[in-house]
Amino acid sequence: MEKKPQRVFGGTMREQSENHDLLSYTPGAYSPDGGFRTIAVRVKGGNYAVSNRLGCYAR
């Protein structure tokens, strides 16, 4: 019996893992004061799906 690919968020797991980019950012004026920093990701043009966390604590 042939296994069917598992669908994840509108695509197969293989399609999802082959079609992604990972971005990172380091602020210029970093201050480890324990405050919460929000993260906003914006993409111009195209039909893109973006997922990111809401923010992080400066430690």
PDB file of N, CA and C in Angstrom:
ATOM      1  N   MET A   1       0.844  -1.186   0.000  1.00  0.00           N
ATOM      2  CA  MET A   1       0.000   0.000   0.000  1.00  0.00           C
ATOM      3  C   MET A   1       0.884   1.242   0.000  1.00  0.00           C
ATOM      4  N   GLU A   2       0.626   2.154  -0.914  1.00  0.00           N
ATOM      5  CA  GLU A   2       1.417   3.379  -1.046  1.00  0.00           C
ATOM      6  C   GLU A   2       0.947   4.429  -0.038  1.00  0.00           C
ATOM      7  N   LYS A   3       1.915   5.058   0.632  1.00  0.00           N
ATOM      8  CA  LYS A   3       1.578   6.117   1.584  1.00  0.00           C
ATOM      9  C   LYS A   3       1.327   7.416   0.847  1.00  0.00           C
ATOM     10  N   LYS A   4       0.280   8.121   1.231  1.00  0.00           N
ATOM     11  CA  LYS A   4      -0.002   9.429   0.666  1.00  0.00           C
ATOM     12  C   LYS A   4       0.758  10.481   1.469  1.00  0.00           C
ATOM     13  N   PRO A   5       1.269  11.547   0.827  1.00  0.00           N
ATOM     14  CA  PRO A   5       1.954  12.610   1.561  1.00  0.00           C
ATOM     15  C   PRO A   5       1.000  13.304   2.528  1.00  0.00           C
ATOM     16  N   GLN A   6       1.485  13.629   3.695  1.00  0.00           N
ATOM     17  CA  GLN A   6       0.675  14.327   4.691  1.00  0.00           C
ATOM     18  C   GLN A   6       0.551  15.790   4.298  1.00  0.00           C
ATOM     19  N   ARG A   7      -0.678  16.313   4.306  1.00  0.00           N
ATOM     20  CA  ARG A   7      -0.929  17.708   3.961  1.00  0.00           C
ATOM     21  C   ARG A   7      -0.744  18.580   5.198  1.00  0.00           C
ATOM     22  N   VAL A   8      -0.013  19.672   5.048  1.00  0.00           N
ATOM     23  CA  VAL A   8       0.228  20.600   6.145  1.00  0.00           C
ATOM     24  C   VAL A   8       0.024  22.014   5.625  1.00  0.00           C
ATOM     25  N   PHE A   9      -0.962  22.737   6.140  1.00  0.00           N
ATOM     26  CA  PHE A   9      -1.217  24.133   5.778  1.00  0.00           C
ATOM     27  C   PHE A   9      -1.275  24.344   4.265  1.00  0.00           C
ATOM     28  N   GLY A  10      -2.002  23.514   3.569  1.00  0.00           N
ATOM     29  CA  GLY A  10      -2.208  23.712   2.144  1.00  0.00           C
ATOM     30  C   GLY A  10      -1.125  23.123   1.255  1.00  0.00           C
ATOM     31  N   GLY A  11      -0.157  22.436   1.803  1.00  0.00           N
ATOM     32  CA  GLY A  11       0.894  21.797   1.014  1.00  0.00           C
ATOM     33  C   GLY A  11       1.403  20.569   1.738  1.00  0.00           C
ATOM     34  N   THR A  12       2.177  19.762   1.052  1.00  0.00           N
ATOM     35  CA  THR A  12       2.743  18.596   1.717  1.00  0.00           C
ATOM     36  C   THR A  12       3.906  19.031   2.598  1.00  0.00           C
ATOM     37  N   MET A  13       4.317  18.185   3.508  1.00  0.00           N
ATOM     38  CA  MET A  13       5.447  18.512   4.379  1.00  0.00           C
ATOM     39  C   MET A  13       6.700  18.784   3.549  1.00  0.00           C
ATOM     40  N   ARG A  14       6.900  18.023   2.487  1.00  0.00           N
ATOM     41  CA  ARG A  14       8.072  18.240   1.633  1.00  0.00           C
ATOM     42  C   ARG A  14       8.013  19.610   0.964  1.00  0.00           C
ATOM     43  N   GLU A  15       6.838  19.968   0.434  1.00  0.00           N
ATOM     44  CA  GLU A  15       6.695  21.284  -0.202  1.00  0.00           C
ATOM     45  C   GLU A  15       6.950  22.401   0.800  1.00  0.00           C
ATOM     46  N   GLN A  16       6.447  22.252   2.021  1.00  0.00           N
ATOM     47  CA  GLN A  16       6.643  23.266   3.039  1.00  0.00           C
ATOM     48  C   GLN A  16       8.110  23.418   3.405  1.00  0.00           C
ATOM     49  N   SER A  17       8.849  22.323   3.515  1.00  0.00           N
ATOM     50  CA  SER A  17      10.247  22.404   3.926  1.00  0.00           C
ATOM     51  C   SER A  17      11.152  22.902   2.798  1.00  0.00           C
ATOM     52  N   GLU A  18      10.738  22.749   1.558  1.00  0.00           N
ATOM     53  CA  GLU A  18      11.559  23.187   0.425  1.00  0.00           C
ATOM     54  C   GLU A  18      11.308  24.645   0.058  1.00  0.00           C
ATOM     55  N   ASN A  19      10.227  25.226   0.528  1.00  0.00           N
ATOM     56  CA  ASN A  19       9.845  26.574   0.121  1.00  0.00           C
ATOM     57  C   ASN A  19       9.773  27.512   1.317  1.00  0.00           C
ATOM     58  N   HIS A  20      10.903  27.743   1.966  1.00  0.00           N
ATOM     59  CA  HIS A  20      10.904  28.667   3.089  1.00  0.00           C
ATOM     60  C   HIS A  20      12.238  29.389   3.188  1.00  0.00           C
ATOM     61  N   ASP A  21      12.225  30.500   3.862  1.00  0.00           N
ATOM     62  CA  ASP A  21      13.436  31.272   4.140  1.00  0.00           C
ATOM     63  C   ASP A  21      13.465  31.554   5.634  1.00  0.00           C
ATOM     64  N   LEU A  22      14.649  31.666   6.168  1.00  0.00           N
ATOM     65  CA  LEU A  22      14.824  31.979   7.580  1.00  0.00           C
ATOM     66  C   LEU A  22      15.520  33.319   7.679  1.00  0.00           C
ATOM     67  N   LEU A  23      14.921  34.241   8.404  1.00  0.00           N
ATOM     68  CA  LEU A  23      15.485  35.574   8.576  1.00  0.00           C
ATOM     69  C   LEU A  23      15.945  35.754  10.015  1.00  0.00           C
ATOM     70  N   SER A  24      16.999  36.526  10.190  1.00  0.00           N
ATOM     71  CA  SER A  24      17.432  36.870  11.542  1.00  0.00           C
ATOM     72  C   SER A  24      17.772  38.351  11.583  1.00  0.00           C
ATOM     73  N   TYR A  25      17.785  38.896  12.790  1.00  0.00           N
ATOM     74  CA  TYR A  25      18.007  40.327  12.955  1.00  0.00           C
ATOM     75  C   TYR A  25      18.712  40.554  14.284  1.00  0.00           C
ATOM     76  N   THR A  26      19.710  41.417  14.279  1.00  0.00           N
ATOM     77  CA  THR A  26      20.393  41.833  15.498  1.00  0.00           C
ATOM     78  C   THR A  26      20.302  43.351  15.576  1.00  0.00           C
ATOM     79  N   PRO A  27      19.684  43.878  16.633  1.00  0.00           N
ATOM     80  CA  PRO A  27      19.531  45.336  16.733  1.00  0.00           C
ATOM     81  C   PRO A  27      20.866  46.033  16.930  1.00  0.00           C
ATOM     82  N   GLY A  28      20.971  47.246  16.410  1.00  0.00           N
ATOM     83  CA  GLY A  28      22.210  48.005  16.547  1.00  0.00           C
ATOM     84  C   GLY A  28      22.438  48.505  17.961  1.00  0.00           C
ATOM     85  N   ALA A  29      21.372  48.952  18.626  1.00  0.00           N
ATOM     86  CA  ALA A  29      21.496  49.482  19.986  1.00  0.00           C
ATOM     87  C   ALA A  29      20.835  48.499  20.951  1.00  0.00           C
ATOM     88  N   TYR A  30      21.524  47.413  21.263  1.00  0.00           N
ATOM     89  CA  TYR A  30      20.965  46.369  22.128  1.00  0.00           C
ATOM     90  C   TYR A  30      21.130  46.733  23.593  1.00  0.00           C
ATOM     91  N   SER A  31      20.059  46.594  24.362  1.00  0.00           N
ATOM     92  CA  SER A  31      20.078  46.873  25.797  1.00  0.00           C
ATOM     93  C   SER A  31      19.388  45.714  26.521  1.00  0.00           C
ATOM     94  N   PRO A  32      20.143  44.833  27.205  1.00  0.00           N
ATOM     95  CA  PRO A  32      19.546  43.668  27.874  1.00  0.00           C
ATOM     96  C   PRO A  32      18.818  44.046  29.170  1.00  0.00           C
ATOM     97  N   ASP A  33      17.743  44.808  29.050  1.00  0.00           N
ATOM     98  CA  ASP A  33      17.024  45.293  30.227  1.00  0.00           C
ATOM     99  C   ASP A  33      15.834  44.425  30.621  1.00  0.00           C
ATOM    100  N   GLY A  34      15.631  43.323  29.925  1.00  0.00           N
ATOM    101  CA  GLY A  34      14.530  42.413  30.242  1.00  0.00           C
ATOM    102  C   GLY A  34      13.195  42.833  29.675  1.00  0.00           C
ATOM    103  N   GLY A  35      13.155  43.943  28.953  1.00  0.00           N
ATOM    104  CA  GLY A  35      11.906  44.420  28.358  1.00  0.00           C
ATOM    105  C   GLY A  35      11.484  43.587  27.161  1.00  0.00           C
ATOM    106  N   PHE A  36      10.201  43.630  26.860  1.00  0.00           N
ATOM    107  CA  PHE A  36       9.661  42.891  25.725  1.00  0.00           C
ATOM    108  C   PHE A  36       9.811  43.714  24.460  1.00  0.00           C
ATOM    109  N   ARG A  37      10.332  43.098  23.416  1.00  0.00           N
ATOM    110  CA  ARG A  37      10.507  43.750  22.113  1.00  0.00           C
ATOM    111  C   ARG A  37       9.574  43.088  21.113  1.00  0.00           C
ATOM    112  N   THR A  38       8.713  43.868  20.468  1.00  0.00           N
ATOM    113  CA  THR A  38       7.808  43.303  19.469  1.00  0.00           C
ATOM    114  C   THR A  38       8.554  43.077  18.163  1.00  0.00           C
ATOM    115  N   ILE A  39       8.070  42.124  17.396  1.00  0.00           N
ATOM    116  CA  ILE A  39       8.655  41.793  16.101  1.00  0.00           C
ATOM    117  C   ILE A  39       7.564  41.957  15.049  1.00  0.00           C
ATOM    118  N   ALA A  40       7.844  42.719  14.009  1.00  0.00           N
ATOM    119  CA  ALA A  40       6.902  42.896  12.899  1.00  0.00           C
ATOM    120  C   ALA A  40       7.622  42.525  11.611  1.00  0.00           C
ATOM    121  N   VAL A  41       7.009  41.660  10.822  1.00  0.00           N
ATOM    122  CA  VAL A  41       7.582  41.234   9.541  1.00  0.00           C
ATOM    123  C   VAL A  41       6.614  41.648   8.448  1.00  0.00           C
ATOM    124  N   ARG A  42       7.113  42.402   7.483  1.00  0.00           N
ATOM    125  CA  ARG A  42       6.304  42.848   6.354  1.00  0.00           C
ATOM    126  C   ARG A  42       7.004  42.430   5.062  1.00  0.00           C
ATOM    127  N   VAL A  43       6.204  41.992   4.083  1.00  0.00           N
ATOM    128  CA  VAL A  43       6.736  41.542   2.798  1.00  0.00           C
ATOM    129  C   VAL A  43       6.042  42.325   1.701  1.00  0.00           C
ATOM    130  N   LYS A  44       6.835  42.879   0.784  1.00  0.00           N
ATOM    131  CA  LYS A  44       6.269  43.621  -0.343  1.00  0.00           C
ATOM    132  C   LYS A  44       5.994  42.677  -1.503  1.00  0.00           C
ATOM    133  N   GLY A  45       4.859  42.880  -2.151  1.00  0.00           N
ATOM    134  CA  GLY A  45       4.522  42.158  -3.370  1.00  0.00           C
ATOM    135  C   GLY A  45       4.363  40.664  -3.192  1.00  0.00           C
ATOM    136  N   GLY A  46       3.834  40.036  -4.212  1.00  0.00           N
ATOM    137  CA  GLY A  46       3.701  38.580  -4.216  1.00  0.00           C
ATOM    138  C   GLY A  46       2.631  38.068  -3.271  1.00  0.00           C
ATOM    139  N   ASN A  47       2.451  36.786  -3.315  1.00  0.00           N
ATOM    140  CA  ASN A  47       1.467  36.116  -2.473  1.00  0.00           C
ATOM    141  C   ASN A  47       2.226  35.266  -1.469  1.00  0.00           C
ATOM    142  N   TYR A  48       2.645  35.871  -0.368  1.00  0.00           N
ATOM    143  CA  TYR A  48       3.484  35.200   0.607  1.00  0.00           C
ATOM    144  C   TYR A  48       2.735  34.960   1.906  1.00  0.00           C
ATOM    145  N   ALA A  49       3.060  33.861   2.556  1.00  0.00           N
ATOM    146  CA  ALA A  49       2.542  33.584   3.895  1.00  0.00           C
ATOM    147  C   ALA A  49       3.708  33.737   4.858  1.00  0.00           C
ATOM    148  N   VAL A  50       3.526  34.557   5.878  1.00  0.00           N
ATOM    149  CA  VAL A  50       4.594  34.821   6.838  1.00  0.00           C
ATOM    150  C   VAL A  50       4.116  34.406   8.216  1.00  0.00           C
ATOM    151  N   SER A  51       4.966  33.684   8.933  1.00  0.00           N
ATOM    152  CA  SER A  51       4.662  33.366  10.328  1.00  0.00           C
ATOM    153  C   SER A  51       5.866  33.768  11.170  1.00  0.00           C
ATOM    154  N   ASN A  52       5.583  34.408  12.278  1.00  0.00           N
ATOM    155  CA  ASN A  52       6.647  34.822  13.182  1.00  0.00           C
ATOM    156  C   ASN A  52       6.084  34.938  14.583  1.00  0.00           C
ATOM    157  N   ARG A  53       6.958  34.941  15.555  1.00  0.00           N
ATOM    158  CA  ARG A  53       6.487  35.113  16.930  1.00  0.00           C
ATOM    159  C   ARG A  53       6.200  36.591  17.180  1.00  0.00           C
ATOM    160  N   LEU A  54       5.470  36.872  18.236  1.00  0.00           N
ATOM    161  CA  LEU A  54       5.066  38.250  18.526  1.00  0.00           C
ATOM    162  C   LEU A  54       6.215  39.120  18.994  1.00  0.00           C
ATOM    163  N   GLY A  55       7.216  38.517  19.605  1.00  0.00           N
ATOM    164  CA  GLY A  55       8.358  39.287  20.108  1.00  0.00           C
ATOM    165  C   GLY A  55       9.261  38.439  20.976  1.00  0.00           C
ATOM    166  N   CYS A  56      10.137  39.109  21.723  1.00  0.00           N
ATOM    167  CA  CYS A  56      11.062  38.407  22.604  1.00  0.00           C
ATOM    168  C   CYS A  56      11.475  39.338  23.742  1.00  0.00           C
ATOM    169  N   TYR A  57      12.036  38.761  24.789  1.00  0.00           N
ATOM    170  CA  TYR A  57      12.520  39.534  25.920  1.00  0.00           C
ATOM    171  C   TYR A  57      14.014  39.789  25.752  1.00  0.00           C
ATOM    172  N   ALA A  58      14.446  41.003  25.991  1.00  0.00           N
ATOM    173  CA  ALA A  58      15.865  41.379  25.869  1.00  0.00           C
ATOM    174  C   ALA A  58      16.597  40.907  27.124  1.00  0.00           C
ATOM    175  N   ARG A  59      17.395  39.890  26.962  1.00  0.00           N
ATOM    176  CA  ARG A  59      18.148  39.342  28.099  1.00  0.00           C
ATOM    177  C   ARG A  59      19.621  39.410  27.856  1.00  0.00           C
TER     178      ARG A  59
END
